[in-house]
């Protein structure tokens, strides 16, 4: 399925999930990006109707419970909506590997360029007087973010275009320029990497996205190269960066019944009057801090000081980006 059609279908699902009313085809055409047309032009309107019929059939084949009905007995044009109870999934227990795969999918999803178009469509619904439930599509628009270099690198890998970027390694203060033919972007041990052919070194190389400085520039025509058949990107990253030794040990305090992801990786768990104490093994204090910060006030770092300080620094950076007012208490008893 093409990217354009995928975006249109997902925006259609978001639209139909966001209201309990039946929406007519004309309302959908005026709301969902991808259905723009001139209703007074017979050819244009007929093309829209064919497109809409194909999309309805596609959604039903995918198992989306699309309902047809009218708001009142006086309506002559049928409308459409999605039955929420039938659409929602029951609770699904996931293994750590499965949960990681879902997390990666969520990161990819946000960078498919859907959120802005969907938000625009919901704004059009509100402007037309249609009541919109803002909670209905929370699961459709994950809030997970990735490195800024993610989108241009995945685009370059998809189009087989060469990229240039500045890259900084820990042992050097100044970044160096790199030219790469990217084969793909993968997540390994919680970090994102691009793997490809380094033109300046005439060898396979992988680069951590968080170390890319400034913009990634696409150069040259599409289809300029072909990755090796059957290439295993994860294996390249694992061989290049080597095994990770978890030499550190951290103790955190988790609120009762919260922070399930942290509990899953805990080596020891002991209950206490003010919460559960979890013991975690780690290799990189900054990496551990970045992960723990995602759990907000549900997790407080007790020890060691290097992880506590890294958490404080991460929260200060978040506060600075969002112009948060007031002091930020990162690793104390009262987040």
Protein backbone atom coordinates (compact mmCIF):
# COMPACT_ATOMS: atom_id res chain seq x y z
CA UNK A 1 0.00 0.00 0.00
CA UNK A 2 1.31 3.45 -0.88
CA UNK A 3 2.28 5.94 1.82
CA UNK A 4 -0.41 8.37 0.60
CA UNK A 5 -3.16 5.80 0.90
CA UNK A 6 -1.88 4.61 4.27
CA UNK A 7 -2.02 8.17 5.62
CA UNK A 8 -5.52 8.68 4.22
CA UNK A 9 -6.82 5.45 5.78
CA UNK A 10 -5.34 6.21 9.19
CA UNK A 11 -6.73 9.75 9.09
CA UNK A 12 -10.12 8.29 8.18
CA UNK A 13 -9.96 5.95 11.17
CA UNK A 14 -8.99 8.83 13.47
CA UNK A 15 -11.88 10.90 12.13
CA UNK A 16 -14.49 8.17 12.57
CA UNK A 17 -13.21 7.25 16.03
CA UNK A 18 -13.38 10.83 17.25
CA UNK A 19 -17.15 11.23 17.08
CA UNK A 20 -20.14 9.12 18.03
CA UNK A 21 -22.21 10.69 15.23
CA UNK A 22 -22.56 9.16 11.81
CA UNK A 23 -20.56 11.29 9.37
CA UNK A 24 -21.74 11.56 5.78
CA UNK A 25 -19.40 11.12 2.83
CA UNK A 26 -19.51 14.87 2.17
CA UNK A 27 -18.51 15.61 5.78
CA UNK A 28 -15.66 13.11 5.53
CA UNK A 29 -14.51 14.62 2.24
CA UNK A 30 -14.36 18.07 3.83
CA UNK A 31 -12.51 16.77 6.89
CA UNK A 32 -10.08 13.98 6.03
CA UNK A 33 -6.86 14.92 4.20
CA UNK A 34 -6.62 13.04 0.92
CA UNK A 35 -10.28 13.37 -0.07
CA UNK A 36 -10.14 16.97 -1.29
CA UNK A 37 -12.16 17.45 -4.47
CA UNK A 38 -14.67 19.74 -6.20
CA UNK A 39 -18.16 18.34 -5.47
CA UNK A 40 -19.62 20.42 -8.32
CA UNK A 41 -17.33 18.72 -10.84
CA UNK A 42 -18.99 15.42 -11.86
CA UNK A 43 -15.72 13.72 -12.78
CA UNK A 44 -13.93 14.88 -9.65
CA UNK A 45 -16.83 13.84 -7.42
CA UNK A 46 -17.07 10.44 -9.11
CA UNK A 47 -13.34 9.88 -8.54
CA UNK A 48 -13.81 10.71 -4.85
CA UNK A 49 -16.70 8.25 -4.56
CA UNK A 50 -14.62 5.44 -6.11
CA UNK A 51 -11.72 6.23 -3.79
CA UNK A 52 -13.99 6.32 -0.74
CA UNK A 53 -15.64 3.00 -1.66
CA UNK A 54 -12.20 1.35 -2.02
CA UNK A 55 -11.10 2.73 1.34
CA UNK A 56 -14.26 1.51 3.08
CA UNK A 57 -13.71 -1.96 1.67
CA UNK A 58 -10.05 -1.87 2.74
CA UNK A 59 -10.95 -0.93 6.32
CA UNK A 60 -13.48 -3.72 6.57
CA UNK A 61 -10.94 -6.23 5.21
CA UNK A 62 -8.53 -5.05 7.89
CA UNK A 63 -11.15 -5.80 10.53
CA UNK A 64 -12.15 -2.22 11.32
CA UNK A 65 -15.82 -2.31 12.48
CA UNK A 66 -17.24 0.33 10.13
CA UNK A 67 -20.93 1.04 10.77
CA UNK A 68 -23.44 2.67 8.43
CA UNK A 69 -26.45 4.62 9.68
CA UNK A 70 -28.15 7.99 10.00
CA UNK A 71 -28.39 10.56 12.76
CA UNK A 72 -32.18 10.82 12.46
CA UNK A 73 -35.02 9.31 10.45
CA UNK A 74 -35.17 12.50 8.38
CA UNK A 75 -31.66 12.05 6.97
CA UNK A 76 -31.54 10.82 3.39
CA UNK A 77 -27.77 10.37 3.11
CA UNK A 78 -26.16 7.53 5.09
CA UNK A 79 -23.28 8.23 7.43
CA UNK A 80 -20.37 6.23 8.80
CA UNK A 81 -18.66 5.68 12.14
CA UNK A 82 -16.48 3.09 13.90
CA UNK A 83 -17.95 1.00 16.71
CA UNK A 84 -15.53 1.74 19.55
CA UNK A 85 -16.32 -1.30 21.66
CA UNK A 86 -15.62 -3.63 18.76
CA UNK A 87 -12.55 -1.66 17.68
CA UNK A 88 -10.81 -1.61 21.08
CA UNK A 89 -8.42 -4.45 21.91
CA UNK A 90 -8.62 -6.33 25.21
CA UNK A 91 -5.66 -6.31 27.58
CA UNK A 92 -2.77 -8.14 25.91
CA UNK A 93 0.11 -9.45 28.04
CA UNK A 94 3.45 -8.80 26.32
CA UNK A 95 6.85 -10.31 26.88
CA UNK A 96 9.77 -7.85 27.21
CA UNK A 97 10.80 -8.50 23.59
CA UNK A 98 7.24 -7.98 22.35
CA UNK A 99 6.89 -4.77 24.38
CA UNK A 100 10.14 -3.50 22.88
CA UNK A 101 8.85 -4.24 19.37
CA UNK A 102 5.65 -2.32 20.08
CA UNK A 103 7.72 0.59 21.39
CA UNK A 104 9.77 0.68 18.21
CA UNK A 105 6.59 0.61 16.11
CA UNK A 106 5.22 3.53 18.11
CA UNK A 107 8.39 5.56 17.46
CA UNK A 108 8.13 4.86 13.74
CA UNK A 109 4.44 5.71 13.76
CA UNK A 110 4.82 9.24 15.05
CA UNK A 111 7.32 10.04 12.32
CA UNK A 112 5.02 8.91 9.51
CA UNK A 113 3.71 12.48 9.29
CA UNK A 114 0.19 11.61 10.42
CA UNK A 115 -0.30 13.60 13.60
CA UNK A 116 -0.49 17.06 12.04
CA UNK A 117 -2.94 16.05 9.32
CA UNK A 118 -5.15 14.20 11.81
CA UNK A 119 -5.21 17.18 14.17
CA UNK A 120 -6.21 19.43 11.27
CA UNK A 121 -9.05 17.07 10.41
CA UNK A 122 -10.38 17.07 13.98
CA UNK A 123 -10.25 20.87 14.03
CA UNK A 124 -12.42 20.91 10.88
CA UNK A 125 -14.93 18.60 12.57
CA UNK A 126 -15.19 20.93 15.58
CA UNK A 127 -15.60 23.93 13.26
CA UNK A 128 -18.48 22.13 11.53
CA UNK A 129 -20.26 21.67 14.87
CA UNK A 130 -19.45 17.96 15.26
CA UNK A 131 -18.71 16.95 18.85
CA UNK A 132 -15.23 15.41 19.06
CA UNK A 133 -13.95 13.13 21.81
CA UNK A 134 -10.24 14.00 22.33
CA UNK A 135 -9.66 10.74 24.26
CA UNK A 136 -10.88 8.44 21.50
CA UNK A 137 -7.68 8.36 19.48
CA UNK A 138 -4.98 8.55 22.14
CA UNK A 139 -3.79 5.10 21.14
CA UNK A 140 -3.56 6.08 17.50
CA UNK A 141 -1.07 8.91 18.01
CA UNK A 142 1.77 7.72 20.27
CA UNK A 143 3.81 10.41 22.00
CA UNK A 144 7.14 8.61 21.76
CA UNK A 145 9.88 10.65 20.12
CA UNK A 146 13.12 9.77 18.38
CA UNK A 147 16.23 11.65 17.29
CA UNK A 148 15.80 14.51 14.75
CA UNK A 149 17.96 12.64 12.25
CA UNK A 150 15.49 9.73 12.17
CA UNK A 151 13.09 11.08 9.53
CA UNK A 152 15.64 12.20 6.89
CA UNK A 153 17.71 9.02 7.31
CA UNK A 154 14.72 6.70 6.90
CA UNK A 155 13.64 8.73 3.88
CA UNK A 156 17.11 8.45 2.38
CA UNK A 157 17.25 4.69 3.00
CA UNK A 158 13.83 4.25 1.41
CA UNK A 159 14.74 6.32 -1.65
CA UNK A 160 18.34 4.97 -1.86
CA UNK A 161 19.89 8.44 -1.68
CA UNK A 162 23.27 9.45 -0.29
CA UNK A 163 23.34 11.62 2.84
CA UNK A 164 25.89 13.93 4.43
CA UNK A 165 25.98 14.90 8.10
CA UNK A 166 28.31 15.99 10.89
CA UNK A 167 29.11 13.34 13.47
CA UNK A 168 30.68 13.74 16.91
CA UNK A 169 32.37 10.88 18.79
CA UNK A 170 33.15 11.06 22.54
CA UNK A 171 36.94 11.13 22.09
CA UNK A 172 36.86 14.23 19.83
CA UNK A 173 35.47 17.67 20.58
CA UNK A 174 34.79 18.70 17.00
CA UNK A 175 32.37 16.79 14.72
CA UNK A 176 33.56 15.41 11.40
CA UNK A 177 31.73 15.32 8.09
CA UNK A 178 30.44 11.93 6.86
CA UNK A 179 29.05 10.74 3.53
CA UNK A 180 26.87 7.65 3.78
CA UNK A 181 24.69 5.47 1.60
CA UNK A 182 22.17 4.40 4.29
CA UNK A 183 20.76 0.88 4.18
CA UNK A 184 18.37 1.30 7.09
CA UNK A 185 17.74 2.60 10.61
CA UNK A 186 17.43 0.22 13.56
CA UNK A 187 16.98 0.36 17.32
CA UNK A 188 19.46 -1.63 19.40
CA UNK A 189 19.65 -1.63 23.21
CA UNK A 190 17.45 1.46 23.43
CA UNK A 191 19.39 3.58 20.91
CA UNK A 192 18.86 4.33 17.22
CA UNK A 193 21.55 3.64 14.61
CA UNK A 194 21.88 4.06 10.87
CA UNK A 195 23.83 1.41 8.96
CA UNK A 196 25.24 1.87 5.47
CA UNK A 197 28.24 2.26 3.20
CA UNK A 198 30.65 5.02 4.21
CA UNK A 199 31.84 6.56 0.94
CA UNK A 200 34.94 8.21 2.43
CA UNK A 201 36.14 5.01 4.07
CA UNK A 202 34.82 2.56 1.45
CA UNK A 203 33.49 0.32 4.22
CA UNK A 204 30.34 -0.59 6.13
CA UNK A 205 29.75 1.74 9.06
CA UNK A 206 27.01 2.40 11.61
CA UNK A 207 26.36 5.69 13.40
CA UNK A 208 24.38 6.48 16.53
CA UNK A 209 21.68 9.02 15.66
CA UNK A 210 22.07 10.91 18.95
CA UNK A 211 25.65 11.81 17.94
CA UNK A 212 24.65 13.41 14.64
CA UNK A 213 25.10 17.18 14.86
CA UNK A 214 22.91 19.50 12.82
CA UNK A 215 20.78 18.59 9.80
CA UNK A 216 21.05 15.49 7.62
CA UNK A 217 21.26 16.48 3.94
CA UNK A 218 20.08 14.23 1.12
CA UNK A 219 22.22 14.47 -2.01
CA UNK A 220 22.14 12.93 -5.46
CA UNK A 221 19.36 11.09 -7.29
CA UNK A 222 17.05 8.39 -5.96
CA UNK A 223 18.02 4.78 -6.58
CA UNK A 224 21.72 5.64 -6.61
CA UNK A 225 22.77 2.38 -4.89
CA UNK A 226 21.50 -1.01 -3.77
CA UNK A 227 22.08 -2.44 -0.27
CA UNK A 228 23.54 -5.96 -0.04
CA UNK A 229 20.94 -8.72 -0.31
CA UNK A 230 19.84 -10.12 3.04
CA UNK A 231 21.85 -7.63 5.08
CA UNK A 232 21.33 -7.94 8.86
CA UNK A 233 21.46 -4.39 10.23
CA UNK A 234 21.21 -5.40 13.90
CA UNK A 235 24.20 -7.73 13.56
CA UNK A 236 26.29 -4.91 12.09
CA UNK A 237 25.43 -2.64 15.03
CA UNK A 238 26.10 -5.39 17.59
CA UNK A 239 29.50 -6.22 16.08
CA UNK A 240 30.52 -2.57 15.80
CA UNK A 241 29.62 -1.49 19.32
CA UNK A 242 30.30 -4.82 21.03
CA UNK A 243 28.50 -6.40 23.97
CA UNK A 244 27.35 -4.15 26.78
CA UNK A 245 28.58 -5.00 30.27
CA UNK A 246 26.20 -3.98 33.04
CA UNK A 247 28.74 -3.09 35.71
CA UNK A 248 26.69 -0.53 37.68
CA UNK A 249 23.88 -1.04 40.16
CA UNK A 250 21.14 1.48 40.87
CA UNK A 251 18.38 1.53 43.48
CA UNK A 252 15.12 3.30 42.70
CA UNK A 253 11.88 3.82 44.57
CA UNK A 254 8.74 3.00 42.58
CA UNK A 255 5.19 3.90 43.53
CA UNK A 256 3.01 0.87 44.33
CA UNK A 257 1.49 -0.59 41.18
CA UNK A 258 3.29 1.84 38.86
CA UNK A 259 6.34 1.78 36.54
CA UNK A 260 5.74 -1.73 35.22
CA UNK A 261 8.49 -1.33 32.63
CA UNK A 262 11.10 -0.63 35.31
CA UNK A 263 9.89 -3.52 37.44
CA UNK A 264 10.26 -5.87 34.49
CA UNK A 265 14.02 -5.25 34.36
CA UNK A 266 14.63 -5.15 38.10
CA UNK A 267 17.05 -7.68 39.57
CA UNK A 268 15.55 -7.33 43.05
CA UNK A 269 12.25 -5.98 44.38
CA UNK A 270 11.55 -5.26 48.05
CA UNK A 271 8.39 -3.65 49.42
CA UNK A 272 8.50 -0.74 51.84
CA UNK A 273 6.12 1.72 53.52
CA UNK A 274 6.82 4.47 50.98
CA UNK A 275 7.00 2.29 47.86
CA UNK A 276 8.91 -0.59 46.30
CA UNK A 277 12.70 -0.54 46.11
CA UNK A 278 14.02 -1.87 42.79
CA UNK A 279 17.61 -2.81 42.05
CA UNK A 280 18.69 -2.33 38.42
CA UNK A 281 21.91 -3.21 36.61
CA UNK A 282 23.19 -0.65 34.11
CA UNK A 283 26.20 0.20 31.95
CA UNK A 284 25.63 3.88 31.13
CA UNK A 285 24.29 6.22 33.84
CA UNK A 286 23.10 8.78 31.26
CA UNK A 287 21.26 6.12 29.30
CA UNK A 288 19.61 4.78 32.46
CA UNK A 289 18.63 8.32 33.51
CA UNK A 290 17.05 9.06 30.12
CA UNK A 291 14.98 5.90 30.44
CA UNK A 292 13.88 6.51 34.05
CA UNK A 293 12.86 10.11 33.34
CA UNK A 294 10.09 8.79 31.08
CA UNK A 295 8.31 7.39 34.14
CA UNK A 296 8.03 10.84 35.74
CA UNK A 297 7.01 10.94 39.39
CA UNK A 298 6.43 7.17 39.53
CA UNK A 299 10.17 6.53 39.95
CA UNK A 300 12.69 8.22 42.27
CA UNK A 301 16.41 7.41 42.10
CA UNK A 302 17.93 6.68 45.51
CA UNK A 303 21.42 5.57 44.54
CA UNK A 304 24.07 5.99 43.10
CA UNK A 305 24.70 9.76 42.95
CA UNK A 306 25.83 9.63 39.29
CA UNK A 307 22.42 8.37 38.19
CA UNK A 308 20.58 10.83 40.47
CA UNK A 309 22.54 13.73 39.00
CA UNK A 310 21.94 12.49 35.46
CA UNK A 311 18.17 12.37 36.14
CA UNK A 312 18.25 15.90 37.56
CA UNK A 313 20.09 17.13 34.48
CA UNK A 314 17.57 15.45 32.13
CA UNK A 315 14.62 17.04 33.93
CA UNK A 316 16.28 20.45 33.86
CA UNK A 317 16.70 20.07 30.10
CA UNK A 318 13.02 19.14 29.72
CA UNK A 319 11.98 22.11 31.85
CA UNK A 320 14.14 24.46 29.81
CA UNK A 321 12.69 23.22 26.51
CA UNK A 322 9.12 23.69 27.68
CA UNK A 323 9.70 26.88 29.70
CA UNK A 324 8.43 25.19 32.82
CA UNK A 325 7.88 27.60 35.70
CA UNK A 326 9.04 26.80 39.21
CA UNK A 327 11.78 24.56 40.56
CA UNK A 328 12.27 21.00 39.37
CA UNK A 329 12.97 18.40 42.06
CA UNK A 330 14.27 15.38 40.15
CA UNK A 331 15.40 12.68 42.48
CA UNK A 332 13.95 13.62 45.85
CA UNK A 333 10.97 12.21 47.69
CA UNK A 334 8.54 14.77 46.26
CA UNK A 335 8.91 14.92 42.45
